[in-house]
C-alpha cells in the first residue's frame, strides 16, 4: 500500500495522468470525435463505391442507347412516355 501511494504522489505520474485526461477527453480532437469521424469516413467510402458502381452501370446503359436507335426509342417511350404523332398512349399504373 505504501508503494502505491508513492506512485500516486509521484509528480511524473500525476503529469502523465493529467496529460492523458486532457488528450483523451477534453481536447477538441478527443477519442469520441475521432470515433465519429472514422465512422463517417467508412460510410463515405461505402457510398463512394456504390456511386462508382452506379456510374459504371449508367455508362454501359448510355453506350447502349447511343449505339442503337431502336433501344433509344424504346427508352424514350418507356421512361418519358414519348409517342409518335399518329399514336395514342394510355398509361396504366405509371411509375412513381
PDB file of N, CA and C in Angstrom:
ATOM      1  N   UNK A   1       0.825  -1.200   0.000  1.00  0.00           N
ATOM      2  CA  UNK A   1       0.000   0.000   0.000  1.00  0.00           C
ATOM      3  C   UNK A   1       0.862   1.254   0.000  1.00  0.00           C
ATOM      4  N   UNK A   2       1.973   1.183   0.663  1.00  0.00           N
ATOM      5  CA  UNK A   2       2.862   2.330   0.754  1.00  0.00           C
ATOM      6  C   UNK A   2       3.479   2.649  -0.608  1.00  0.00           C
ATOM      7  N   UNK A   3       3.846   1.621  -1.383  1.00  0.00           N
ATOM      8  CA  UNK A   3       4.416   1.869  -2.710  1.00  0.00           C
ATOM      9  C   UNK A   3       3.356   2.427  -3.658  1.00  0.00           C
ATOM     10  N   UNK A   4       2.092   2.006  -3.463  1.00  0.00           N
ATOM     11  CA  UNK A   4       1.001   2.535  -4.278  1.00  0.00           C
ATOM     12  C   UNK A   4       0.839   4.029  -4.046  1.00  0.00           C
ATOM     13  N   UNK A   5       0.927   4.488  -2.814  1.00  0.00           N
ATOM     14  CA  UNK A   5       0.835   5.914  -2.503  1.00  0.00           C
ATOM     15  C   UNK A   5       2.021   6.684  -3.058  1.00  0.00           C
ATOM     16  N   UNK A   6       3.203   6.061  -3.048  1.00  0.00           N
ATOM     17  CA  UNK A   6       4.376   6.714  -3.621  1.00  0.00           C
ATOM     18  C   UNK A   6       4.181   6.939  -5.119  1.00  0.00           C
ATOM     19  N   UNK A   7       3.627   5.934  -5.791  1.00  0.00           N
ATOM     20  CA  UNK A   7       3.410   6.050  -7.232  1.00  0.00           C
ATOM     21  C   UNK A   7       2.378   7.135  -7.524  1.00  0.00           C
ATOM     22  N   UNK A   8       1.305   7.173  -6.759  1.00  0.00           N
ATOM     23  CA  UNK A   8       0.254   8.170  -6.993  1.00  0.00           C
ATOM     24  C   UNK A   8       0.759   9.579  -6.697  1.00  0.00           C
ATOM     25  N   UNK A   9       1.595   9.749  -5.712  1.00  0.00           N
ATOM     26  CA  UNK A   9       2.107  11.068  -5.349  1.00  0.00           C
ATOM     27  C   UNK A   9       3.274  11.511  -6.236  1.00  0.00           C
ATOM     28  N   UNK A  10       3.751  10.644  -7.088  1.00  0.00           N
ATOM     29  CA  UNK A  10       4.860  10.973  -7.979  1.00  0.00           C
ATOM     30  C   UNK A  10       4.412  12.047  -8.974  1.00  0.00           C
ATOM     31  N   UNK A  11       5.223  13.107  -9.109  1.00  0.00           N
ATOM     32  CA  UNK A  11       4.823  14.225  -9.976  1.00  0.00           C
ATOM     33  C   UNK A  11       4.768  13.819 -11.446  1.00  0.00           C
ATOM     34  N   UNK A  12       5.573  12.877 -11.867  1.00  0.00           N
ATOM     35  CA  UNK A  12       5.551  12.425 -13.260  1.00  0.00           C
ATOM     36  C   UNK A  12       4.278  11.616 -13.554  1.00  0.00           C
ATOM     37  N   UNK A  13       3.858  10.818 -12.580  1.00  0.00           N
ATOM     38  CA  UNK A  13       2.623  10.069 -12.729  1.00  0.00           C
ATOM     39  C   UNK A  13       1.432  11.020 -12.820  1.00  0.00           C
ATOM     40  N   UNK A  14       1.411  12.018 -11.977  1.00  0.00           N
ATOM     41  CA  UNK A  14       0.312  12.996 -11.979  1.00  0.00           C
ATOM     42  C   UNK A  14       0.308  13.769 -13.297  1.00  0.00           C
ATOM     43  N   UNK A  15       1.481  14.191 -13.764  1.00  0.00           N
ATOM     44  CA  UNK A  15       1.564  14.933 -15.026  1.00  0.00           C
ATOM     45  C   UNK A  15       1.100  14.059 -16.191  1.00  0.00           C
ATOM     46  N   UNK A  16       1.509  12.796 -16.195  1.00  0.00           N
ATOM     47  CA  UNK A  16       1.078  11.886 -17.254  1.00  0.00           C
ATOM     48  C   UNK A  16      -0.422  11.654 -17.205  1.00  0.00           C
ATOM     49  N   UNK A  17      -0.970  11.496 -16.030  1.00  0.00           N
ATOM     50  CA  UNK A  17      -2.401  11.294 -15.875  1.00  0.00           C
ATOM     51  C   UNK A  17      -3.192  12.515 -16.342  1.00  0.00           C
ATOM     52  N   UNK A  18      -2.750  13.707 -15.984  1.00  0.00           N
ATOM     53  CA  UNK A  18      -3.415  14.944 -16.432  1.00  0.00           C
ATOM     54  C   UNK A  18      -3.327  15.051 -17.952  1.00  0.00           C
ATOM     55  N   UNK A  19      -2.165  14.763 -18.507  1.00  0.00           N
ATOM     56  CA  UNK A  19      -1.996  14.806 -19.964  1.00  0.00           C
ATOM     57  C   UNK A  19      -2.961  13.849 -20.663  1.00  0.00           C
ATOM     58  N   UNK A  20      -3.065  12.621 -20.161  1.00  0.00           N
ATOM     59  CA  UNK A  20      -3.958  11.637 -20.777  1.00  0.00           C
ATOM     60  C   UNK A  20      -5.417  12.067 -20.690  1.00  0.00           C
ATOM     61  N   UNK A  21      -5.813  12.623 -19.564  1.00  0.00           N
ATOM     62  CA  UNK A  21      -7.203  13.088 -19.420  1.00  0.00           C
ATOM     63  C   UNK A  21      -7.482  14.211 -20.412  1.00  0.00           C
ATOM     64  N   UNK A  22      -6.566  15.124 -20.552  1.00  0.00           N
ATOM     65  CA  UNK A  22      -6.768  16.243 -21.492  1.00  0.00           C
ATOM     66  C   UNK A  22      -6.837  15.730 -22.926  1.00  0.00           C
ATOM     67  N   UNK A  23      -5.911  14.881 -23.301  1.00  0.00           N
ATOM     68  CA  UNK A  23      -5.863  14.401 -24.686  1.00  0.00           C
ATOM     69  C   UNK A  23      -7.047  13.490 -25.003  1.00  0.00           C
ATOM     70  N   UNK A  24      -7.411  12.620 -24.082  1.00  0.00           N
ATOM     71  CA  UNK A  24      -8.451  11.636 -24.364  1.00  0.00           C
ATOM     72  C   UNK A  24      -9.869  12.187 -24.237  1.00  0.00           C
ATOM     73  N   UNK A  25     -10.092  13.161 -23.385  1.00  0.00           N
ATOM     74  CA  UNK A  25     -11.464  13.591 -23.126  1.00  0.00           C
ATOM     75  C   UNK A  25     -11.728  15.077 -23.348  1.00  0.00           C
ATOM     76  N   UNK A  26     -10.776  15.936 -23.080  1.00  0.00           N
ATOM     77  CA  UNK A  26     -11.049  17.370 -23.083  1.00  0.00           C
ATOM     78  C   UNK A  26     -10.630  18.092 -24.349  1.00  0.00           C
ATOM     79  N   UNK A  27      -9.754  17.517 -25.119  1.00  0.00           N
ATOM     80  CA  UNK A  27      -9.282  18.141 -26.342  1.00  0.00           C
ATOM     81  C   UNK A  27     -10.390  18.147 -27.392  1.00  0.00           C
ATOM     82  N   UNK A  28     -10.322  19.061 -28.347  1.00  0.00           N
ATOM     83  CA  UNK A  28     -11.357  19.109 -29.381  1.00  0.00           C
ATOM     84  C   UNK A  28     -11.267  17.906 -30.328  1.00  0.00           C
ATOM     85  N   UNK A  29     -10.136  17.248 -30.383  1.00  0.00           N
ATOM     86  CA  UNK A  29      -9.973  16.026 -31.178  1.00  0.00           C
ATOM     87  C   UNK A  29      -9.841  14.821 -30.253  1.00  0.00           C
ATOM     88  N   UNK A  30     -10.811  14.650 -29.371  1.00  0.00           N
ATOM     89  CA  UNK A  30     -10.735  13.566 -28.394  1.00  0.00           C
ATOM     90  C   UNK A  30     -11.153  12.238 -29.020  1.00  0.00           C
ATOM     91  N   UNK A  31     -11.185  11.203 -28.216  1.00  0.00           N
ATOM     92  CA  UNK A  31     -11.495   9.868 -28.711  1.00  0.00           C
ATOM     93  C   UNK A  31     -12.888   9.777 -29.322  1.00  0.00           C
ATOM     94  N   UNK A  32     -13.848  10.449 -28.734  1.00  0.00           N
ATOM     95  CA  UNK A  32     -15.214  10.372 -29.230  1.00  0.00           C
ATOM     96  C   UNK A  32     -15.338  11.018 -30.612  1.00  0.00           C
ATOM     97  N   UNK A  33     -14.678  12.141 -30.780  1.00  0.00           N
ATOM     98  CA  UNK A  33     -14.700  12.814 -32.085  1.00  0.00           C
ATOM     99  C   UNK A  33     -13.993  11.953 -33.128  1.00  0.00           C
ATOM    100  N   UNK A  34     -12.857  11.370 -32.771  1.00  0.00           N
ATOM    101  CA  UNK A  34     -12.129  10.510 -33.707  1.00  0.00           C
ATOM    102  C   UNK A  34     -12.951   9.291 -34.096  1.00  0.00           C
ATOM    103  N   UNK A  35     -13.655   8.712 -33.141  1.00  0.00           N
ATOM    104  CA  UNK A  35     -14.504   7.552 -33.442  1.00  0.00           C
ATOM    105  C   UNK A  35     -15.630   7.940 -34.398  1.00  0.00           C
ATOM    106  N   UNK A  36     -16.266   9.084 -34.148  1.00  0.00           N
ATOM    107  CA  UNK A  36     -17.344   9.550 -35.012  1.00  0.00           C
ATOM    108  C   UNK A  36     -16.825   9.837 -36.418  1.00  0.00           C
ATOM    109  N   UNK A  37     -15.658  10.459 -36.512  1.00  0.00           N
ATOM    110  CA  UNK A  37     -15.083  10.770 -37.817  1.00  0.00           C
ATOM    111  C   UNK A  37     -14.693   9.509 -38.574  1.00  0.00           C
ATOM    112  N   UNK A  38     -14.176   8.505 -37.873  1.00  0.00           N
ATOM    113  CA  UNK A  38     -13.833   7.243 -38.533  1.00  0.00           C
ATOM    114  C   UNK A  38     -15.073   6.551 -39.075  1.00  0.00           C
ATOM    115  N   UNK A  39     -16.177   6.598 -38.318  1.00  0.00           N
ATOM    116  CA  UNK A  39     -17.428   6.018 -38.811  1.00  0.00           C
ATOM    117  C   UNK A  39     -17.916   6.775 -40.039  1.00  0.00           C
ATOM    118  N   UNK A  40     -17.787   8.092 -40.022  1.00  0.00           N
ATOM    119  CA  UNK A  40     -18.223   8.903 -41.161  1.00  0.00           C
ATOM    120  C   UNK A  40     -17.370   8.603 -42.403  1.00  0.00           C
ATOM    121  N   UNK A  41     -16.074   8.441 -42.221  1.00  0.00           N
ATOM    122  CA  UNK A  41     -15.187   8.115 -43.342  1.00  0.00           C
ATOM    123  C   UNK A  41     -15.564   6.753 -43.920  1.00  0.00           C
ATOM    124  N   UNK A  42     -15.846   5.788 -43.060  1.00  0.00           N
ATOM    125  CA  UNK A  42     -16.241   4.460 -43.530  1.00  0.00           C
ATOM    126  C   UNK A  42     -17.539   4.543 -44.330  1.00  0.00           C
ATOM    127  N   UNK A  43     -18.501   5.312 -43.831  1.00  0.00           N
ATOM    128  CA  UNK A  43     -19.774   5.479 -44.542  1.00  0.00           C
ATOM    129  C   UNK A  43     -19.554   6.142 -45.895  1.00  0.00           C
ATOM    130  N   UNK A  44     -18.697   7.143 -45.947  1.00  0.00           N
ATOM    131  CA  UNK A  44     -18.433   7.834 -47.205  1.00  0.00           C
ATOM    132  C   UNK A  44     -17.719   6.927 -48.203  1.00  0.00           C
ATOM    133  N   UNK A  45     -16.833   6.061 -47.736  1.00  0.00           N
ATOM    134  CA  UNK A  45     -16.168   5.112 -48.638  1.00  0.00           C
ATOM    135  C   UNK A  45     -17.180   4.125 -49.219  1.00  0.00           C
ATOM    136  N   UNK A  46     -18.106   3.662 -48.387  1.00  0.00           N
ATOM    137  CA  UNK A  46     -19.146   2.757 -48.881  1.00  0.00           C
ATOM    138  C   UNK A  46     -20.023   3.463 -49.913  1.00  0.00           C
ATOM    139  N   UNK A  47     -20.374   4.714 -49.631  1.00  0.00           N
ATOM    140  CA  UNK A  47     -21.187   5.480 -50.570  1.00  0.00           C
ATOM    141  C   UNK A  47     -20.432   5.710 -51.880  1.00  0.00           C
ATOM    142  N   UNK A  48     -19.126   5.967 -51.777  1.00  0.00           N
ATOM    143  CA  UNK A  48     -18.318   6.172 -52.973  1.00  0.00           C
ATOM    144  C   UNK A  48     -18.297   4.924 -53.847  1.00  0.00           C
ATOM    145  N   UNK A  49     -18.133   3.761 -53.232  1.00  0.00           N
ATOM    146  CA  UNK A  49     -18.092   2.530 -54.025  1.00  0.00           C
ATOM    147  C   UNK A  49     -19.450   2.266 -54.673  1.00  0.00           C
ATOM    148  N   UNK A  50     -20.534   2.557 -53.958  1.00  0.00           N
ATOM    149  CA  UNK A  50     -21.866   2.384 -54.547  1.00  0.00           C
ATOM    150  C   UNK A  50     -22.065   3.336 -55.721  1.00  0.00           C
ATOM    151  N   UNK A  51     -21.626   4.575 -55.575  1.00  0.00           N
ATOM    152  CA  UNK A  51     -21.759   5.542 -56.662  1.00  0.00           C
ATOM    153  C   UNK A  51     -20.899   5.160 -57.861  1.00  0.00           C
ATOM    154  N   UNK A  52     -19.716   4.612 -57.609  1.00  0.00           N
ATOM    155  CA  UNK A  52     -18.875   4.155 -58.724  1.00  0.00           C
ATOM    156  C   UNK A  52     -19.549   3.018 -59.488  1.00  0.00           C
ATOM    157  N   UNK A  53     -20.198   2.110 -58.767  1.00  0.00           N
ATOM    158  CA  UNK A  53     -20.937   1.034 -59.426  1.00  0.00           C
ATOM    159  C   UNK A  53     -22.088   1.596 -60.257  1.00  0.00           C
ATOM    160  N   UNK A  54     -22.792   2.585 -59.713  1.00  0.00           N
ATOM    161  CA  UNK A  54     -23.893   3.213 -60.450  1.00  0.00           C
ATOM    162  C   UNK A  54     -23.381   3.903 -61.712  1.00  0.00           C
ATOM    163  N   UNK A  55     -22.241   4.561 -61.605  1.00  0.00           N
ATOM    164  CA  UNK A  55     -21.666   5.246 -62.763  1.00  0.00           C
ATOM    165  C   UNK A  55     -21.301   4.230 -63.842  1.00  0.00           C
ATOM    166  N   UNK A  56     -20.721   3.118 -63.438  1.00  0.00           N
ATOM    167  CA  UNK A  56     -20.348   2.086 -64.416  1.00  0.00           C
ATOM    168  C   UNK A  56     -21.591   1.533 -65.112  1.00  0.00           C
ATOM    169  N   UNK A  57     -22.643   1.267 -64.346  1.00  0.00           N
ATOM    170  CA  UNK A  57     -23.872   0.734 -64.944  1.00  0.00           C
ATOM    171  C   UNK A  57     -24.515   1.760 -65.869  1.00  0.00           C
ATOM    172  N   UNK A  58     -24.530   3.026 -65.453  1.00  0.00           N
ATOM    173  CA  UNK A  58     -25.108   4.077 -66.299  1.00  0.00           C
ATOM    174  C   UNK A  58     -24.287   4.292 -67.560  1.00  0.00           C
ATOM    175  N   UNK A  59     -22.981   4.162 -67.463  1.00  0.00           N
ATOM    176  CA  UNK A  59     -22.133   4.324 -68.648  1.00  0.00           C
ATOM    177  C   UNK A  59     -22.428   3.250 -69.681  1.00  0.00           C
ATOM    178  N   UNK A  60     -22.604   2.032 -69.195  1.00  0.00           N
ATOM    179  CA  UNK A  60     -22.956   0.942 -70.107  1.00  0.00           C
ATOM    180  C   UNK A  60     -24.310   1.214 -70.749  1.00  0.00           C
ATOM    181  N   UNK A  61     -25.262   1.676 -69.929  1.00  0.00           N
ATOM    182  CA  UNK A  61     -26.605   1.973 -70.439  1.00  0.00           C
ATOM    183  C   UNK A  61     -26.556   3.079 -71.494  1.00  0.00           C
ATOM    184  N   UNK A  62     -25.801   4.137 -71.237  1.00  0.00           N
ATOM    185  CA  UNK A  62     -25.675   5.245 -72.200  1.00  0.00           C
ATOM    186  C   UNK A  62     -24.997   4.763 -73.471  1.00  0.00           C
ATOM    187  N   UNK A  63     -23.974   3.940 -73.341  1.00  0.00           N
ATOM    188  CA  UNK A  63     -23.282   3.417 -74.517  1.00  0.00           C
ATOM    189  C   UNK A  63     -24.237   2.598 -75.384  1.00  0.00           C
ATOM    190  N   UNK A  64     -25.090   1.804 -74.753  1.00  0.00           N
ATOM    191  CA  UNK A  64     -26.071   1.010 -75.498  1.00  0.00           C
ATOM    192  C   UNK A  64     -27.096   1.908 -76.186  1.00  0.00           C
ATOM    193  N   UNK A  65     -27.504   2.992 -75.510  1.00  0.00           N
ATOM    194  CA  UNK A  65     -28.504   3.887 -76.101  1.00  0.00           C
ATOM    195  C   UNK A  65     -27.940   4.661 -77.281  1.00  0.00           C
ATOM    196  N   UNK A  66     -26.706   5.100 -77.180  1.00  0.00           N
ATOM    197  CA  UNK A  66     -26.100   5.887 -78.257  1.00  0.00           C
ATOM    198  C   UNK A  66     -25.877   5.024 -79.488  1.00  0.00           C
ATOM    199  N   UNK A  67     -25.567   3.770 -79.306  1.00  0.00           N
ATOM    200  CA  UNK A  67     -25.249   2.903 -80.429  1.00  0.00           C
ATOM    201  C   UNK A  67     -26.453   2.348 -81.161  1.00  0.00           C
ATOM    202  N   UNK A  68     -27.623   2.323 -80.542  1.00  0.00           N
ATOM    203  CA  UNK A  68     -28.768   1.659 -81.145  1.00  0.00           C
ATOM    204  C   UNK A  68     -29.984   2.579 -81.082  1.00  0.00           C
ATOM    205  N   UNK A  69     -30.489   2.992 -82.230  1.00  0.00           N
ATOM    206  CA  UNK A  69     -31.632   3.904 -82.259  1.00  0.00           C
ATOM    207  C   UNK A  69     -32.916   3.235 -81.781  1.00  0.00           C
ATOM    208  N   UNK A  70     -33.060   1.941 -82.012  1.00  0.00           N
ATOM    209  CA  UNK A  70     -34.257   1.247 -81.531  1.00  0.00           C
ATOM    210  C   UNK A  70     -34.312   1.226 -80.008  1.00  0.00           C
ATOM    211  N   UNK A  71     -33.185   0.979 -79.371  1.00  0.00           N
ATOM    212  CA  UNK A  71     -33.181   0.988 -77.904  1.00  0.00           C
ATOM    213  C   UNK A  71     -33.363   2.402 -77.374  1.00  0.00           C
ATOM    214  N   UNK A  72     -32.872   3.407 -78.083  1.00  0.00           N
ATOM    215  CA  UNK A  72     -33.080   4.789 -77.675  1.00  0.00           C
ATOM    216  C   UNK A  72     -34.564   5.148 -77.762  1.00  0.00           C
ATOM    217  N   UNK A  73     -35.215   4.711 -78.828  1.00  0.00           N
ATOM    218  CA  UNK A  73     -36.653   4.966 -78.976  1.00  0.00           C
ATOM    219  C   UNK A  73     -37.435   4.245 -77.876  1.00  0.00           C
ATOM    220  N   UNK A  74     -37.071   2.996 -77.596  1.00  0.00           N
ATOM    221  CA  UNK A  74     -37.756   2.239 -76.548  1.00  0.00           C
ATOM    222  C   UNK A  74     -37.575   2.912 -75.190  1.00  0.00           C
ATOM    223  N   UNK A  75     -36.378   3.397 -74.927  1.00  0.00           N
ATOM    224  CA  UNK A  75     -36.107   4.084 -73.653  1.00  0.00           C
ATOM    225  C   UNK A  75     -36.960   5.351 -73.532  1.00  0.00           C
ATOM    226  N   UNK A  76     -37.031   6.132 -74.594  1.00  0.00           N
ATOM    227  CA  UNK A  76     -37.847   7.346 -74.568  1.00  0.00           C
ATOM    228  C   UNK A  76     -39.311   7.035 -74.366  1.00  0.00           C
ATOM    229  N   UNK A  77     -39.796   5.977 -74.977  1.00  0.00           N
ATOM    230  CA  UNK A  77     -41.194   5.591 -74.826  1.00  0.00           C
ATOM    231  C   UNK A  77     -41.477   5.107 -73.405  1.00  0.00           C
ATOM    232  N   UNK A  78     -40.572   4.306 -72.827  1.00  0.00           N
ATOM    233  CA  UNK A  78     -40.813   3.733 -71.507  1.00  0.00           C
ATOM    234  C   UNK A  78     -40.632   4.746 -70.386  1.00  0.00           C
ATOM    235  N   UNK A  79     -39.587   5.542 -70.472  1.00  0.00           N
ATOM    236  CA  UNK A  79     -39.269   6.444 -69.361  1.00  0.00           C
ATOM    237  C   UNK A  79     -39.995   7.782 -69.440  1.00  0.00           C
ATOM    238  N   UNK A  80     -40.189   8.298 -70.616  1.00  0.00           N
ATOM    239  CA  UNK A  80     -40.751   9.645 -70.758  1.00  0.00           C
ATOM    240  C   UNK A  80     -42.096   9.650 -71.478  1.00  0.00           C
ATOM    241  N   UNK A  81     -42.660   8.472 -71.720  1.00  0.00           N
ATOM    242  CA  UNK A  81     -43.970   8.320 -72.348  1.00  0.00           C
ATOM    243  C   UNK A  81     -44.056   9.077 -73.668  1.00  0.00           C
ATOM    244  N   UNK A  82     -42.995   9.045 -74.445  1.00  0.00           N
ATOM    245  CA  UNK A  82     -42.996   9.691 -75.755  1.00  0.00           C
ATOM    246  C   UNK A  82     -43.775   8.828 -76.744  1.00  0.00           C
ATOM    247  N   UNK A  83     -44.308   9.484 -77.768  1.00  0.00           N
ATOM    248  CA  UNK A  83     -45.108   8.757 -78.747  1.00  0.00           C
ATOM    249  C   UNK A  83     -44.894   9.352 -80.119  1.00  0.00           C
ATOM    250  N   UNK A  84     -45.294   8.589 -81.098  1.00  0.00           N
ATOM    251  CA  UNK A  84     -45.267   9.092 -82.463  1.00  0.00           C
ATOM    252  C   UNK A  84     -46.489   9.969 -82.664  1.00  0.00           C
ATOM    253  N   UNK A  85     -46.459  10.871 -83.661  1.00  0.00           N
ATOM    254  CA  UNK A  85     -47.594  11.799 -83.848  1.00  0.00           C
ATOM    255  C   UNK A  85     -48.925  11.096 -84.094  1.00  0.00           C
ATOM    256  N   UNK A  86     -48.944   9.942 -84.741  1.00  0.00           N
ATOM    257  CA  UNK A  86     -50.209   9.293 -85.070  1.00  0.00           C
ATOM    258  C   UNK A  86     -50.678   8.326 -83.977  1.00  0.00           C
ATOM    259  N   UNK A  87     -49.959   8.233 -82.856  1.00  0.00           N
ATOM    260  CA  UNK A  87     -50.296   7.269 -81.814  1.00  0.00           C
ATOM    261  C   UNK A  87     -51.039   7.923 -80.664  1.00  0.00           C
ATOM    262  N   UNK A  88     -51.807   7.116 -79.970  1.00  0.00           N
ATOM    263  CA  UNK A  88     -52.383   7.493 -78.688  1.00  0.00           C
ATOM    264  C   UNK A  88     -51.749   6.583 -77.644  1.00  0.00           C
ATOM    265  N   UNK A  89     -51.331   7.175 -76.528  1.00  0.00           N
ATOM    266  CA  UNK A  89     -50.683   6.400 -75.482  1.00  0.00           C
ATOM    267  C   UNK A  89     -51.553   6.463 -74.238  1.00  0.00           C
ATOM    268  N   UNK A  90     -51.871   5.301 -73.680  1.00  0.00           N
ATOM    269  CA  UNK A  90     -52.626   5.201 -72.438  1.00  0.00           C
ATOM    270  C   UNK A  90     -51.682   4.636 -71.378  1.00  0.00           C
ATOM    271  N   UNK A  91     -51.492   5.387 -70.302  1.00  0.00           N
ATOM    272  CA  UNK A  91     -50.594   4.976 -69.235  1.00  0.00           C
ATOM    273  C   UNK A  91     -51.437   4.342 -68.140  1.00  0.00           C
ATOM    274  N   UNK A  92     -51.162   3.082 -67.864  1.00  0.00           N
ATOM    275  CA  UNK A  92     -51.885   2.365 -66.825  1.00  0.00           C
ATOM    276  C   UNK A  92     -50.858   1.983 -65.764  1.00  0.00           C
ATOM    277  N   UNK A  93     -51.040   2.504 -64.553  1.00  0.00           N
ATOM    278  CA  UNK A  93     -50.110   2.152 -63.463  1.00  0.00           C
ATOM    279  C   UNK A  93     -48.720   2.664 -63.744  1.00  0.00           C
ATOM    280  N   UNK A  94     -48.562   3.956 -64.007  1.00  0.00           N
ATOM    281  CA  UNK A  94     -47.249   4.529 -64.317  1.00  0.00           C
ATOM    282  C   UNK A  94     -46.305   4.487 -63.151  1.00  0.00           C
ATOM    283  N   UNK A  95     -45.052   4.757 -63.437  1.00  0.00           N
ATOM    284  CA  UNK A  95     -44.013   4.763 -62.407  1.00  0.00           C
ATOM    285  C   UNK A  95     -44.173   5.995 -61.538  1.00  0.00           C
ATOM    286  N   UNK A  96     -43.785   5.825 -60.292  1.00  0.00           N
ATOM    287  CA  UNK A  96     -43.865   6.973 -59.376  1.00  0.00           C
ATOM    288  C   UNK A  96     -42.490   7.479 -59.072  1.00  0.00           C
TER     289      UNK A  96
END
